[in-house]
Protein backbone atom coordinates (compact mmCIF):
# COMPACT_ATOMS: atom_id res chain seq x y z
CA MET A 1 1.05 2.37 -34.59
CA THR A 2 1.31 6.15 -34.61
CA ASP A 3 3.38 7.90 -31.93
CA VAL A 4 0.40 10.06 -30.90
CA ILE A 5 -3.01 8.63 -29.98
CA ALA A 6 -4.71 11.76 -31.34
CA ASP A 7 -3.48 10.73 -34.80
CA LEU A 8 -5.34 7.42 -34.59
CA PRO A 9 -8.78 7.01 -36.18
CA LEU A 10 -11.52 7.89 -33.70
CA ASP A 11 -12.64 4.26 -33.39
CA ASP A 12 -9.09 3.24 -32.36
CA ARG A 13 -8.70 5.82 -29.58
CA PRO A 14 -9.22 4.25 -26.13
CA ARG A 15 -11.14 7.13 -24.55
CA GLU A 16 -13.53 7.51 -27.49
CA ARG A 17 -14.07 3.74 -27.66
CA MET A 18 -14.79 3.62 -23.92
CA PHE A 19 -17.49 6.28 -24.18
CA LYS A 20 -19.01 4.66 -27.26
CA HIS A 21 -18.80 0.97 -26.38
CA GLY A 22 -18.07 0.82 -22.64
CA ALA A 23 -14.91 0.36 -20.56
CA GLU A 24 -15.33 -3.42 -20.59
CA THR A 25 -14.50 -3.50 -24.31
CA LEU A 26 -11.02 -2.06 -23.78
CA SER A 27 -7.87 -4.12 -23.34
CA ASP A 28 -5.71 -3.81 -20.21
CA ALA A 29 -3.22 -1.71 -22.17
CA GLU A 30 -5.95 0.64 -23.40
CA LEU A 31 -7.35 1.10 -19.90
CA LEU A 32 -3.88 1.81 -18.54
CA ALA A 33 -3.21 4.20 -21.44
CA ILE A 34 -6.21 6.29 -20.34
CA LEU A 35 -4.71 6.51 -16.84
CA LEU A 36 -1.30 7.46 -18.23
CA GLY A 37 -2.86 10.23 -20.30
CA SER A 38 0.10 10.62 -22.63
CA GLY A 39 3.21 8.91 -23.88
CA VAL A 40 6.63 10.24 -24.76
CA PRO A 41 8.23 11.16 -28.08
CA GLY A 42 8.36 8.00 -30.13
CA THR A 43 6.06 6.05 -27.80
CA ASN A 44 2.36 6.76 -27.40
CA ALA A 45 0.36 5.99 -24.25
CA ILE A 46 -0.82 2.59 -25.48
CA GLN A 47 2.71 1.50 -26.32
CA LEU A 48 3.92 2.78 -22.95
CA ALA A 49 1.12 0.86 -21.23
CA ARG A 50 2.19 -2.33 -23.01
CA ILE A 51 5.72 -1.86 -21.69
CA LEU A 52 4.37 -1.53 -18.15
CA LEU A 53 2.17 -4.60 -18.61
CA SER A 54 4.87 -6.75 -20.18
CA GLU A 55 4.76 -9.13 -17.20
CA GLY A 56 1.04 -8.78 -16.50
CA MET A 57 -1.27 -6.65 -14.35
CA ASN A 58 -0.39 -8.42 -11.08
CA ALA A 59 3.30 -7.86 -11.69
CA LEU A 60 2.66 -4.15 -12.28
CA TRP A 61 0.70 -3.95 -9.00
CA ARG A 62 3.65 -5.46 -7.12
CA ARG A 63 6.32 -3.24 -8.62
CA ASP A 64 8.04 -0.72 -6.39
CA THR A 65 7.51 2.94 -7.30
CA ARG A 66 11.26 3.44 -7.54
CA ASP A 67 11.47 0.76 -10.21
CA LEU A 68 8.65 2.39 -12.17
CA MET A 69 10.45 5.73 -12.05
CA LYS A 70 13.31 4.15 -14.00
CA ILE A 71 11.08 3.62 -17.04
CA ALA A 72 11.38 6.42 -19.59
CA GLY A 73 8.21 8.51 -19.65
CA ILE A 74 6.94 7.37 -16.25
CA GLY A 75 7.03 10.23 -13.76
CA PRO A 76 5.39 10.89 -10.37
CA ALA A 77 2.06 12.02 -11.88
CA LYS A 78 1.61 8.85 -13.93
CA ILE A 79 2.69 6.62 -11.04
CA ALA A 80 0.27 8.39 -8.70
CA ARG A 81 -2.64 7.76 -11.08
CA ILE A 82 -1.72 4.09 -11.43
CA MET A 83 -1.36 3.61 -7.66
CA ALA A 84 -4.64 5.42 -7.00
CA ALA A 85 -6.47 3.21 -9.49
CA PHE A 86 -5.06 0.03 -7.91
CA GLU A 87 -5.98 1.21 -4.42
CA MET A 88 -9.54 2.13 -5.45
CA SER A 89 -9.92 -1.30 -7.07
CA ARG A 90 -8.58 -2.99 -3.93
CA ARG A 91 -11.05 -1.15 -1.71
CA ILE A 92 -13.98 -1.99 -3.95
CA ALA A 93 -12.96 -5.65 -4.16
CA SER A 94 -12.50 -5.93 -0.40
CA GLY A 95 -15.92 -4.41 0.26
CA GLU A 96 -14.58 -2.07 2.93
CA PRO A 97 -17.49 -0.34 4.71
CA GLU A 98 -17.66 3.44 4.88
CA GLU A 99 -18.17 3.29 8.65
CA PRO A 100 -14.83 2.90 10.42
CA PRO A 101 -14.36 -0.84 11.02
CA PRO A 102 -13.52 -2.19 14.47
CA PHE A 103 -10.00 -3.48 14.87
CA ASP A 104 -9.77 -7.20 14.25
CA ALA A 105 -6.27 -8.62 13.96
CA ARG A 106 -7.47 -11.39 11.64
CA VAL A 107 -9.09 -8.95 9.21
CA LEU A 108 -6.34 -6.33 9.30
CA GLY A 109 -3.62 -8.97 9.20
CA ALA A 110 -5.05 -10.59 6.07
CA LYS A 111 -5.24 -7.21 4.32
CA LEU A 112 -1.69 -6.38 5.33
CA VAL A 113 -0.41 -9.66 3.89
CA THR A 114 -2.02 -8.72 0.58
CA ALA A 115 -0.58 -5.20 0.68
CA TYR A 116 2.89 -5.87 2.12
CA GLY A 117 3.69 -9.56 1.78
CA HIS A 118 5.40 -9.06 -1.58
CA HIS A 119 7.72 -6.21 -0.58
CA THR A 120 11.44 -6.89 -0.59
CA GLN A 121 12.23 -4.16 1.95
CA GLU A 122 10.87 -3.77 5.47
CA ARG A 123 8.10 -1.21 5.89
CA LEU A 124 6.54 -0.12 9.16
CA GLY A 125 3.14 1.46 9.49
CA ALA A 126 0.41 2.13 12.03
CA ALA A 127 -3.36 1.88 12.23
CA ILE A 128 -5.01 4.59 14.35
CA LEU A 129 -7.81 3.50 16.69
CA ASP A 130 -10.46 5.68 18.31
CA SER A 131 -11.99 5.26 21.78
CA ARG A 132 -14.23 2.48 20.43
CA ALA A 133 -11.24 0.60 18.97
CA ARG A 134 -12.32 1.46 15.43
CA ILE A 135 -9.70 2.00 12.74
CA ILE A 136 -9.92 5.67 11.77
CA GLY A 137 -6.68 5.91 9.85
CA GLN A 138 -3.71 3.97 8.58
CA ARG A 139 -0.33 5.11 7.30
CA GLU A 140 3.08 3.79 6.36
CA ILE A 141 5.66 5.55 8.54
CA PHE A 142 9.09 4.08 7.88
CA ILE A 143 10.93 2.09 5.25
CA GLY A 144 13.80 0.07 6.65
CA THR A 145 14.45 -2.32 9.54
CA ILE A 146 12.82 -1.43 12.85
CA ASN A 147 16.12 -1.56 14.73
CA ASN A 148 17.89 1.05 12.61
CA ALA A 149 18.44 4.70 13.51
CA PHE A 150 15.66 5.92 11.26
CA VAL A 151 12.92 4.29 13.33
CA SER A 152 12.21 6.42 16.38
CA THR A 153 9.59 5.63 18.98
CA ARG A 154 9.38 9.39 19.53
CA ASP A 155 8.26 9.91 15.93
CA ILE A 156 5.60 7.21 16.24
CA VAL A 157 4.29 8.75 19.47
CA LYS A 158 4.21 12.17 17.79
CA PHE A 159 2.33 10.71 14.85
CA ALA A 160 -0.26 9.09 17.15
CA LEU A 161 -0.79 12.33 19.07
CA LEU A 162 -1.21 14.39 15.89
CA GLU A 163 -3.79 11.88 14.63
CA HIS A 164 -5.72 12.13 17.94
CA ALA A 165 -5.42 8.40 18.46
CA LYS A 166 -6.58 6.65 21.60
CA SER A 167 -4.46 3.64 20.73
CA ILE A 168 -2.51 2.32 17.78
CA VAL A 169 -1.62 -0.93 16.07
CA ILE A 170 1.80 -1.04 14.46
CA TYR A 171 2.78 -3.44 11.73
CA HIS A 172 5.82 -4.28 9.64
CA ASN A 173 6.75 -6.91 7.09
CA HIS A 174 9.53 -9.47 7.06
CA PRO A 175 10.99 -9.66 3.52
CA SER A 176 12.14 -13.21 4.33
CA GLY A 177 8.49 -14.23 4.20
CA ASP A 178 8.53 -15.65 7.74
CA PRO A 179 6.50 -13.50 10.17
CA THR A 180 8.00 -15.05 13.32
CA PRO A 181 9.08 -12.17 15.62
CA SER A 182 12.78 -11.56 16.13
CA ASP A 183 14.41 -10.46 19.37
CA GLU A 184 14.57 -6.95 17.88
CA ASP A 185 10.81 -7.06 17.22
CA PHE A 186 10.08 -7.87 20.86
CA SER A 187 12.53 -5.25 22.12
CA PHE A 188 11.11 -2.53 19.88
CA THR A 189 7.54 -3.43 20.85
CA GLY A 190 8.29 -3.13 24.55
CA LYS A 191 10.09 0.18 24.10
CA LEU A 192 7.26 1.64 22.02
CA LYS A 193 4.57 0.40 24.43
CA HIS A 194 6.38 2.11 27.32
CA SER A 195 6.76 5.36 25.36
CA LEU A 196 3.06 5.42 24.45
CA ASN A 197 1.99 4.70 28.03
CA LEU A 198 3.85 7.83 29.17
CA VAL A 199 1.39 9.96 27.16
CA ASP A 200 -1.69 7.86 28.01
CA LEU A 201 -1.77 6.01 24.69
CA GLU A 202 -2.00 2.28 24.24
CA LEU A 203 -0.21 -0.06 21.87
CA THR A 204 -2.97 -2.52 21.03
CA ASP A 205 -1.05 -4.90 18.81
CA HIS A 206 2.07 -5.39 16.74
CA ILE A 207 1.35 -7.34 13.58
CA ILE A 208 4.24 -8.87 11.65
CA ILE A 209 3.59 -9.65 8.01
CA GLY A 210 5.01 -12.57 6.07
CA ALA A 211 4.60 -13.62 2.47
CA HIS A 212 1.47 -15.70 3.12
CA ARG A 213 0.56 -15.22 6.78
CA PHE A 214 0.89 -12.81 9.68
CA TYR A 215 1.76 -12.89 13.36
CA SER A 216 -0.26 -10.93 15.95
CA MET A 217 1.62 -10.36 19.21
CA ALA A 218 -1.65 -9.50 20.99
CA ALA A 219 -3.27 -12.76 19.85
CA LYS A 220 -0.26 -14.62 21.28
CA GLY A 221 -0.53 -12.76 24.59
CA GLN A 222 2.80 -10.99 24.10
CA MET A 223 1.72 -7.36 24.57
CA GLN A 224 2.15 -7.25 28.36
């Protein structure tokens, strides 16, 4: 195969074939090549896509961005397009409504298991709730264990205030796969709840994510 897709016959170029015959006629590598946009010297976009898909589409979805950055020819712009495409697909598949959904630990917990259950490093995030307990925003805040120096309750409170939250739900994953709370989880939850109360904000729940299930402290009556 040529090193440059533009040198291919028109009928072999993914973008032209998509417009002529439809996206459903393209292989996974060809679809990914369109997202990549270009290859590198000696490797065109289709060949680069095949490298990324060597272990399958699901494996690519689970790969950490830092691992992808180690592949020659894969920079931040290409990674951003891939991640955006996966996230758009996830939202379409999940049928998320445009109206902000009400907080439901079972619904959010299941989504978090899908999004975070495969990670090998702890990640902490928060869902922002409005006065009607609807989720109006969600963001990953920290990477690392919740009892290390990089996780500050002050920073979480600041984040909640800047997002005009009425209350928040925090969540983090256990790379071990077991979502059972640790003593550090309970200690951090109590400290954060107290800090939020000082500025009239509420900690609604702390959801801990495992490989196949989650643990809701609120559902277990452990948010007092």
